[in-house]
Amino acid sequence: MITGYILIAVAPGMEDAVYAQLKKIPEIKQIKSVFGEYDIIATIDSKNIKELSKIIVKKIRPIEGVITTGTLISME
């Protein structure tokens, strides 16, 4: 099991809309708004890196307002 912390930069004014779309993704366990280089951090638990990558590429990045993502991975 791995945990991915997805750092999400959002277009100005789109924070609430992106947050609402992220809440619809069942694999996301936690969402936090933050200040700094990124605007939102989402936490995902997955079986492996391939599954995590698929969630990021197919479900998070296509959301309107998402500019870029960064990923931190914690392996247990």
Foldseek 3Di string as FASTA:
>chain_A
DKKKKKFWAFAPPCVVVLVVQVVPDVQFDDKDADDDPGGIITMGDDDDPVVVVCCCVPRRVVRPGTDDMDMDMDDD
